[in-house]
Protein backbone atom coordinates (compact mmCIF):
# COMPACT_ATOMS: atom_id res chain seq x y z
CA MET A 1 -42.15 48.49 72.68
CA LYS A 2 -38.70 47.24 73.51
CA GLU A 3 -38.41 43.82 75.16
CA PRO A 4 -36.36 43.58 78.36
CA GLN A 5 -33.19 41.65 77.94
CA ASN A 6 -32.74 38.74 80.32
CA THR A 7 -29.42 37.61 78.96
CA VAL A 8 -26.28 37.73 81.03
CA SER A 9 -23.11 38.88 79.40
CA ARG A 10 -20.56 36.07 79.11
CA ALA A 11 -17.54 38.33 79.56
CA PRO A 12 -17.93 38.89 83.34
CA VAL A 13 -18.64 35.19 83.91
CA SER A 14 -15.57 34.05 81.99
CA ARG A 15 -13.47 36.68 83.77
CA LEU A 16 -14.77 35.44 87.12
CA ARG A 17 -13.95 31.84 86.18
CA ALA A 18 -10.44 32.85 85.17
CA ASN A 19 -9.92 34.72 88.45
CA VAL A 20 -11.21 31.77 90.48
CA ALA A 21 -8.95 29.38 88.56
CA ARG A 22 -5.93 31.61 89.24
CA ALA A 23 -6.81 31.81 92.93
CA VAL A 24 -7.18 28.03 93.19
CA ASP A 25 -3.85 27.52 91.43
CA ALA A 26 -2.16 29.99 93.77
CA LEU A 27 -3.57 28.26 96.85
CA ALA A 28 -2.56 24.82 95.56
CA ASP A 29 0.99 25.97 94.84
CA GLU A 30 3.33 24.40 97.40
CA ARG A 31 6.55 26.09 96.36
CA GLY A 32 8.30 27.23 99.51
CA ALA A 33 6.30 24.90 101.76
CA ALA A 34 9.38 22.83 102.60
CA THR A 35 11.32 25.99 103.44
CA ALA A 36 8.57 27.09 105.80
CA GLU A 37 8.52 23.67 107.45
CA TYR A 38 12.29 23.80 107.93
CA ALA A 39 11.97 27.25 109.46
CA VAL A 40 9.34 26.05 111.94
CA ALA A 41 11.44 23.00 112.85
CA THR A 42 14.53 25.18 113.30
CA MET A 43 12.65 27.58 115.56
CA ALA A 44 11.36 24.65 117.64
CA ALA A 45 14.91 23.29 117.96
CA VAL A 46 16.22 26.70 119.03
CA GLY A 47 13.46 26.98 121.63
CA PHE A 48 14.23 23.50 122.95
CA ALA A 49 17.95 24.29 123.10
CA GLY A 50 17.21 27.48 125.04
CA LEU A 51 15.08 25.52 127.49
CA LEU A 52 17.88 22.99 127.98
CA VAL A 53 20.38 25.79 128.62
CA LEU A 54 18.10 27.24 131.29
CA ILE A 55 17.66 23.85 132.94
CA LEU A 56 21.35 22.97 132.82
CA ARG A 57 22.37 26.30 134.38
CA GLY A 58 20.72 25.28 137.64
CA ASP A 59 23.06 24.34 140.50
CA GLU A 60 21.24 21.09 141.25
CA VAL A 61 21.49 19.83 137.68
CA ARG A 62 25.10 20.97 137.44
CA GLY A 63 25.91 19.00 140.60
CA ILE A 64 24.19 15.87 139.29
CA LEU A 65 26.05 16.08 135.98
CA THR A 66 29.38 16.75 137.70
CA ASP A 67 28.91 13.73 139.97
CA LEU A 68 27.93 11.61 136.98
CA VAL A 69 31.09 12.59 135.08
CA ARG A 70 33.31 12.07 138.16
CA ASN A 71 31.86 8.61 138.75
CA ALA A 72 32.30 7.70 135.10
CA LEU A 73 35.93 8.85 135.05
CA SER A 74 36.96 7.40 138.41
CA VAL A 75 39.08 4.28 138.33
CA GLY A 76 38.09 1.34 140.48
């Protein structure tokens, strides 16, 4: 009678280890991270600038700024 084989083939295990190692290396790779951070910071700055434009378009703010400039430029 033939004995059942309880051995596990090493090929699939080593292939799995290689795939896991490649995945870990890919996740640890930070190339392009600085570019992504700059993009996020740029988008935040653009959003903030847009908000400032909306606020400064208001008549009340425009009047306050105009008075501030007039007072600063007036002599005496």
